[in-house]
Protein backbone atom coordinates (compact mmCIF):
# COMPACT_ATOMS: atom_id res chain seq x y z
CA UNK A 1 11.86 -25.12 5.60
CA UNK A 2 11.80 -25.10 1.82
CA UNK A 3 13.68 -27.78 -0.07
CA UNK A 4 14.49 -26.84 -3.66
CA UNK A 5 17.43 -27.83 -5.81
CA UNK A 6 19.31 -25.12 -7.69
CA UNK A 7 17.63 -24.70 -11.07
CA UNK A 8 14.48 -26.59 -10.05
CA UNK A 9 11.30 -25.10 -11.52
CA UNK A 10 8.97 -24.03 -8.71
CA UNK A 11 5.31 -23.41 -9.46
CA UNK A 12 4.09 -22.11 -6.13
CA UNK A 13 4.41 -21.83 -2.39
CA UNK A 14 1.49 -21.82 0.05
CA UNK A 15 1.33 -20.90 3.72
CA UNK A 16 -1.57 -21.59 6.08
CA UNK A 17 -1.57 -20.07 9.56
CA UNK A 18 -3.99 -21.28 12.23
CA UNK A 19 -3.58 -20.62 15.93
CA UNK A 20 -0.01 -21.37 16.95
CA UNK A 21 0.37 -23.85 14.07
CA UNK A 22 1.10 -23.52 10.38
CA UNK A 23 1.43 -25.43 7.14
CA UNK A 24 4.05 -24.66 4.50
CA UNK A 25 3.51 -26.25 1.09
CA UNK A 26 5.13 -26.23 -2.33
CA UNK A 27 4.62 -27.47 -5.87
CA UNK A 28 7.71 -28.01 -8.00
CA UNK A 29 8.88 -29.92 -11.02
CA UNK A 30 10.23 -33.40 -10.34
CA UNK A 31 12.30 -35.74 -12.49
CA UNK A 32 9.00 -37.09 -13.79
CA UNK A 33 6.05 -34.77 -13.47
CA UNK A 34 5.45 -32.69 -10.34
CA UNK A 35 5.86 -33.01 -6.60
CA UNK A 36 3.77 -31.44 -3.85
CA UNK A 37 5.43 -31.12 -0.45
CA UNK A 38 3.93 -29.86 2.76
CA UNK A 39 4.78 -29.83 6.41
CA UNK A 40 2.79 -29.12 9.53
CA UNK A 41 4.51 -27.14 12.29
CA UNK A 42 2.97 -27.19 15.74
CA UNK A 43 3.96 -26.64 19.34
CA UNK A 44 4.12 -29.48 21.81
CA UNK A 45 3.31 -29.22 25.54
CA UNK A 46 6.91 -28.58 26.63
CA UNK A 47 7.55 -24.81 26.64
CA UNK A 48 9.27 -23.58 23.50
CA UNK A 49 9.33 -26.99 21.82
CA UNK A 50 8.11 -27.43 18.25
CA UNK A 51 7.34 -30.51 16.22
CA UNK A 52 6.70 -30.95 12.55
CA UNK A 53 5.65 -33.64 10.15
CA UNK A 54 6.33 -33.65 6.42
CA UNK A 55 4.48 -35.21 3.49
CA UNK A 56 5.03 -35.61 -0.25
CA UNK A 57 2.62 -36.21 -3.11
CA UNK A 58 3.78 -37.05 -6.61
CA UNK A 59 1.89 -36.16 -9.78
CA UNK A 60 3.93 -37.98 -12.47
CA UNK A 61 1.41 -37.77 -15.31
CA UNK A 62 -0.07 -34.32 -14.75
CA UNK A 63 0.55 -31.24 -16.84
CA UNK A 64 1.68 -28.10 -15.01
CA UNK A 65 -1.85 -26.71 -15.19
CA UNK A 66 -3.37 -29.94 -13.80
CA UNK A 67 -0.77 -30.15 -11.02
CA UNK A 68 -1.39 -26.51 -10.08
CA UNK A 69 -5.15 -27.05 -9.91
CA UNK A 70 -4.66 -30.15 -7.72
CA UNK A 71 -2.27 -28.26 -5.42
CA UNK A 72 -4.59 -25.25 -5.14
CA UNK A 73 -7.56 -27.47 -4.31
CA UNK A 74 -5.57 -29.51 -1.79
CA UNK A 75 -4.20 -26.49 0.05
CA UNK A 76 -7.58 -24.70 0.00
CA UNK A 77 -9.07 -27.80 1.63
CA UNK A 78 -6.31 -27.81 4.27
CA UNK A 79 -7.00 -24.16 5.02
CA UNK A 80 -10.74 -24.79 5.23
CA UNK A 81 -10.23 -27.87 7.44
CA UNK A 82 -7.97 -26.04 9.87
CA UNK A 83 -9.88 -22.75 9.77
CA UNK A 84 -6.59 -21.15 8.78
CA UNK A 85 -5.73 -18.26 6.52
CA UNK A 86 -4.32 -19.36 3.14
CA UNK A 87 -1.54 -17.38 1.46
CA UNK A 88 -0.58 -18.29 -2.10
CA UNK A 89 2.59 -17.25 -3.92
CA UNK A 90 2.82 -18.37 -7.54
CA UNK A 91 6.40 -18.00 -8.71
CA UNK A 92 6.63 -20.23 -11.82
CA UNK A 93 10.39 -19.91 -12.24
CA UNK A 94 13.60 -21.84 -11.66
CA UNK A 95 15.55 -18.71 -10.71
CA UNK A 96 16.23 -19.06 -6.97
CA UNK A 97 17.07 -15.37 -6.57
CA UNK A 98 13.62 -14.45 -7.92
CA UNK A 99 11.95 -17.01 -5.65
CA UNK A 100 13.81 -15.78 -2.56
CA UNK A 101 13.17 -12.14 -3.41
CA UNK A 102 9.43 -12.76 -3.80
CA UNK A 103 9.35 -14.86 -0.62
CA UNK A 104 11.07 -12.22 1.47
CA UNK A 105 8.33 -9.73 0.53
CA UNK A 106 5.60 -11.92 2.02
CA UNK A 107 4.38 -10.80 5.46
CA UNK A 108 4.21 -14.44 6.60
CA UNK A 109 7.78 -15.30 5.58
CA UNK A 110 10.66 -14.84 8.00
CA UNK A 111 14.11 -15.42 6.54
CA UNK A 112 17.60 -15.17 7.84
CA UNK A 113 20.88 -15.70 6.09
CA UNK A 114 23.14 -18.42 7.39
CA UNK A 115 26.64 -19.09 6.17
CA UNK A 116 27.17 -22.44 4.50
CA UNK A 117 29.35 -24.89 6.33
CA UNK A 118 32.45 -25.83 4.37
CA UNK A 119 34.42 -28.95 5.22
CA UNK A 120 38.19 -28.63 5.13
């Protein structure tokens, strides 16, 4: 699951597939600097059950170029360590419709529209 705020500047999205597991990672602008987020998704022994763990790394003093280089290196290392295939999508925009449009075109991305819940 991706977690962006409306209007948040997103640099890139990475996806690493290995076996029946995957890693989804992002780099986006934070209040101060940049934030890298990634989560591991894996299957547990019970049939059909999934588990995930999420992590965050902050880069408060980095420029966009420095943060991007750190993210690329980190996610390349994760792909190498897992033996997985790395997919990189650089979006560099805060326009959510552009981000979603580009995401939907990725062969590794599966999206579905859900209606927002509105409290009465």
